[in-house]
N, C-alpha and C. Protein backbone atom coordinates (compact mmCIF):
# COMPACT_ATOMS: atom_id res chain seq x y z
N MET A 1 106.34 95.13 98.62
CA MET A 1 107.23 94.48 98.95
C MET A 1 108.36 95.24 98.87
N GLY A 2 109.68 94.69 99.68
CA GLY A 2 110.65 95.46 99.44
C GLY A 2 111.66 94.99 98.64
N GLY A 3 113.11 94.90 99.09
CA GLY A 3 113.91 94.26 98.38
C GLY A 3 113.38 92.64 98.57
N SER A 4 114.19 91.87 97.91
CA SER A 4 114.39 90.34 98.26
C SER A 4 115.58 89.88 98.78
N GLU A 5 115.67 88.70 99.38
CA GLU A 5 116.38 87.69 100.02
C GLU A 5 116.41 86.50 99.11
N LYS A 6 117.77 86.19 98.91
CA LYS A 6 118.04 84.39 98.64
C LYS A 6 117.73 83.55 99.39
N TYR A 7 117.52 82.76 100.06
CA TYR A 7 117.28 81.71 100.94
C TYR A 7 117.40 80.34 99.93
N SER A 8 117.77 79.64 100.47
CA SER A 8 118.23 78.20 100.02
C SER A 8 116.95 77.18 100.84
N VAL A 9 116.14 76.41 99.98
CA VAL A 9 115.05 75.36 100.31
C VAL A 9 115.04 74.11 99.94
N GLY A 10 114.82 73.47 100.79
CA GLY A 10 114.84 71.76 99.91
C GLY A 10 113.10 71.65 99.68
N SER A 11 113.31 70.71 98.97
CA SER A 11 111.54 70.47 97.87
C SER A 11 111.77 69.10 97.51
N PRO A 12 110.63 68.30 97.83
CA PRO A 12 110.99 66.74 97.61
C PRO A 12 110.99 67.32 95.78
N GLU A 13 111.49 66.38 95.00
CA GLU A 13 111.97 66.53 94.02
C GLU A 13 110.27 66.55 92.58
N GLU A 14 109.71 65.47 93.25
CA GLU A 14 108.86 65.63 92.41
C GLU A 14 107.92 66.69 92.08
N LEU A 15 107.79 67.17 93.35
CA LEU A 15 107.10 68.41 93.88
C LEU A 15 107.59 69.92 92.74
N ALA A 16 108.79 69.83 92.95
CA ALA A 16 109.75 70.99 92.21
C ALA A 16 109.44 70.47 90.90
N GLU A 17 109.64 69.65 90.38
CA GLU A 17 109.67 68.95 88.87
C GLU A 17 108.05 69.47 88.60
N THR A 18 106.88 69.21 89.59
CA THR A 18 106.10 69.98 88.95
C THR A 18 105.40 71.60 89.05
N VAL A 19 106.31 71.86 89.75
CA VAL A 19 106.22 73.32 89.70
C VAL A 19 107.01 73.66 87.79
N ARG A 20 108.31 72.84 88.09
CA ARG A 20 109.03 73.13 86.82
C ARG A 20 107.77 73.33 85.53
N ALA A 21 106.99 72.04 85.24
CA ALA A 21 106.08 71.79 84.58
C ALA A 21 105.55 73.01 84.04
N ARG A 22 105.16 73.66 85.17
CA ARG A 22 103.84 74.67 85.09
C ARG A 22 104.32 75.75 85.00
N VAL A 23 105.50 75.94 85.69
CA VAL A 23 106.06 77.95 85.15
C VAL A 23 106.67 77.69 84.38
N GLY A 24 107.90 76.70 83.70
CA GLY A 24 108.63 76.65 82.60
C GLY A 24 110.07 77.50 83.22
N PRO A 25 110.63 77.54 82.25
CA PRO A 25 112.41 78.08 82.46
C PRO A 25 112.38 79.28 83.62
N GLY A 26 113.11 79.56 84.35
CA GLY A 26 113.09 80.76 85.52
C GLY A 26 112.00 81.29 86.10
N GLY A 27 110.81 80.35 85.89
CA GLY A 27 109.68 80.66 86.24
C GLY A 27 109.53 79.96 88.00
N PHE A 28 110.57 79.34 88.13
CA PHE A 28 110.27 78.67 89.48
C PHE A 28 110.79 79.60 90.72
N SER A 29 111.69 80.56 90.68
CA SER A 29 111.72 81.29 91.35
C SER A 29 111.07 83.05 91.63
N ALA A 30 110.10 82.85 90.56
CA ALA A 30 109.24 83.82 91.63
C ALA A 30 107.69 82.88 91.66
N PHE A 31 107.91 81.52 91.40
CA PHE A 31 106.54 80.74 91.83
C PHE A 31 106.58 80.92 93.15
N VAL A 32 107.52 79.98 93.55
CA VAL A 32 107.86 80.27 95.51
C VAL A 32 107.17 81.60 96.35
N PRO A 33 107.39 83.08 96.08
CA PRO A 33 107.32 83.96 96.87
C PRO A 33 105.80 83.59 96.80
N ASP A 34 105.48 83.58 95.07
CA ASP A 34 103.85 83.64 95.52
C ASP A 34 102.86 82.58 96.13
N ALA A 35 103.88 81.47 96.35
CA ALA A 35 102.89 80.27 96.85
C ALA A 35 102.92 80.31 98.63
N ILE A 36 104.07 80.92 98.95
CA ILE A 36 104.21 81.32 100.27
C ILE A 36 103.20 82.43 100.85
N GLU A 37 102.96 83.85 100.07
CA GLU A 37 101.84 84.58 99.90
C GLU A 37 100.77 84.09 100.33
N HIS A 38 100.68 82.83 99.20
CA HIS A 38 99.13 82.13 99.47
C HIS A 38 98.73 81.66 100.35
N ARG A 39 99.73 80.75 100.75
CA ARG A 39 99.95 80.13 102.06
C ARG A 39 99.96 80.78 103.14
N ILE A 40 100.34 81.65 103.45
CA ILE A 40 100.18 83.18 104.71
C ILE A 40 98.40 83.65 104.70
N ALA A 41 98.17 83.90 103.12
CA ALA A 41 97.02 85.02 103.00
C ALA A 41 95.50 83.21 103.41
N MET A 42 95.84 82.09 103.29
CA MET A 42 94.74 81.05 103.21
C MET A 42 95.22 81.12 104.89
N GLU A 43 95.94 81.32 105.82
CA GLU A 43 96.36 81.05 106.86
C GLU A 43 95.72 82.12 108.08
N ARG A 44 95.39 83.04 107.05
CA ARG A 44 94.60 84.10 108.04
C ARG A 44 93.06 84.42 107.56
N LEU A 45 93.02 83.91 106.53
CA LEU A 45 91.53 83.59 106.15
C LEU A 45 91.23 82.38 107.28
N GLY A 46 92.07 81.38 107.76
CA GLY A 46 90.92 80.29 108.36
C GLY A 46 91.25 80.98 110.08
N GLU A 47 92.33 81.64 110.67
CA GLU A 47 91.79 82.28 111.51
C GLU A 47 90.92 83.54 111.71
N ILE A 48 90.42 84.54 110.38
CA ILE A 48 89.51 84.71 111.12
C ILE A 48 87.93 84.15 110.58
N VAL A 49 88.19 83.09 110.03
CA VAL A 49 86.38 81.98 109.88
C VAL A 49 86.74 81.94 111.41
N ALA A 50 87.42 81.32 112.07
CA ALA A 50 87.42 80.68 113.92
C ALA A 50 87.24 81.93 114.10
N ASP A 51 87.80 82.91 114.35
CA ASP A 51 87.45 84.16 115.33
C ASP A 51 85.89 84.43 114.87
N PHE A 52 85.26 84.73 113.81
CA PHE A 52 83.96 84.20 113.23
C PHE A 52 82.90 83.56 113.96
N GLU A 53 83.27 82.56 113.81
CA GLU A 53 82.88 81.43 113.83
C GLU A 53 82.56 81.59 115.73
N ALA A 54 83.69 81.57 116.50
CA ALA A 54 84.16 81.38 117.93
C ALA A 54 83.19 82.09 118.34
N ASP A 55 82.28 83.55 117.86
CA ASP A 55 81.68 84.58 117.99
C ASP A 55 80.17 84.74 118.07
N ASN A 56 80.13 83.89 116.64
CA ASN A 56 78.44 83.65 116.37
C ASN A 56 78.62 82.39 115.62
N GLY A 57 79.36 81.25 115.87
CA GLY A 57 78.33 79.72 115.68
C GLY A 57 78.94 79.22 113.59
N PRO A 58 78.71 78.05 113.75
CA PRO A 58 79.39 78.11 112.46
C PRO A 58 78.56 78.68 111.47
N LEU A 59 79.71 79.00 109.81
CA LEU A 59 79.23 79.44 108.95
C LEU A 59 78.19 78.36 108.45
N THR A 60 77.17 79.68 107.64
CA THR A 60 76.11 78.82 107.21
C THR A 60 76.26 78.59 105.97
N GLY A 61 76.11 77.64 104.88
CA GLY A 61 76.26 76.93 103.48
C GLY A 61 75.91 78.02 102.44
N GLN A 62 74.96 79.07 103.19
CA GLN A 62 74.70 79.92 102.38
C GLN A 62 75.87 80.91 102.45
N GLU A 63 76.17 81.28 103.39
CA GLU A 63 77.37 82.13 103.68
C GLU A 63 78.80 81.48 103.26
N VAL A 64 78.91 80.42 103.12
CA VAL A 64 80.33 80.09 102.69
C VAL A 64 80.25 80.01 101.17
N GLU A 65 78.88 79.81 100.29
CA GLU A 65 78.77 80.38 98.98
C GLU A 65 78.74 81.51 98.69
N ALA A 66 78.44 82.52 99.66
CA ALA A 66 79.33 83.57 99.19
C ALA A 66 80.42 84.20 99.20
N ALA A 67 81.05 83.85 100.23
CA ALA A 67 82.14 83.93 100.47
C ALA A 67 83.05 83.38 99.23
N ARG A 68 82.52 82.15 98.75
CA ARG A 68 83.13 81.38 97.56
C ARG A 68 83.13 82.41 96.45
N ALA A 69 82.14 82.95 95.59
CA ALA A 69 81.85 83.40 95.15
C ALA A 69 82.78 84.81 95.24
N VAL A 70 82.92 85.29 96.18
CA VAL A 70 83.71 86.74 96.56
C VAL A 70 85.23 86.07 96.24
N LEU A 71 85.62 84.75 96.11
CA LEU A 71 86.81 85.12 96.40
C LEU A 71 86.98 84.34 95.06
N ASN A 72 86.12 84.13 93.98
CA ASN A 72 86.58 83.71 92.67
C ASN A 72 85.88 84.99 91.71
N HIS A 73 85.75 86.19 92.31
CA HIS A 73 85.36 87.55 91.91
C HIS A 73 84.06 87.38 91.20
N ASP A 74 83.18 86.57 91.68
CA ASP A 74 81.83 86.76 91.02
C ASP A 74 80.96 87.59 92.01
N ARG A 75 80.35 88.71 91.57
CA ARG A 75 80.20 89.51 92.75
C ARG A 75 78.56 89.89 92.29
N SER A 76 78.07 89.18 92.10
CA SER A 76 76.80 89.19 91.28
C SER A 76 76.18 88.66 92.55
N PRO A 77 74.68 88.99 92.45
CA PRO A 77 73.51 88.97 93.75
C PRO A 77 73.40 87.55 93.82
N GLY A 78 73.21 86.68 95.10
CA GLY A 78 72.57 85.63 95.22
C GLY A 78 71.07 85.42 95.21
N PRO A 79 70.68 84.84 95.47
CA PRO A 79 68.70 84.58 94.96
C PRO A 79 68.75 85.11 96.42
């Protein structure tokens, strides 16, 4: 990523406090762009799944579990 830009965003106080409790002092500013990147990645993943299912039908339970294993970095072969 390139440089950074400052933005002012609002957040429910309870959510902001939960983040602060998890990341500690000074971590809030780093947490926000990470959270945004994660949200965008999850939306893109949803689009990929929707496209796949439109062409191939619903994913099977085995396919979902295999995808979970990859996302959890468990690349061991399945049954």
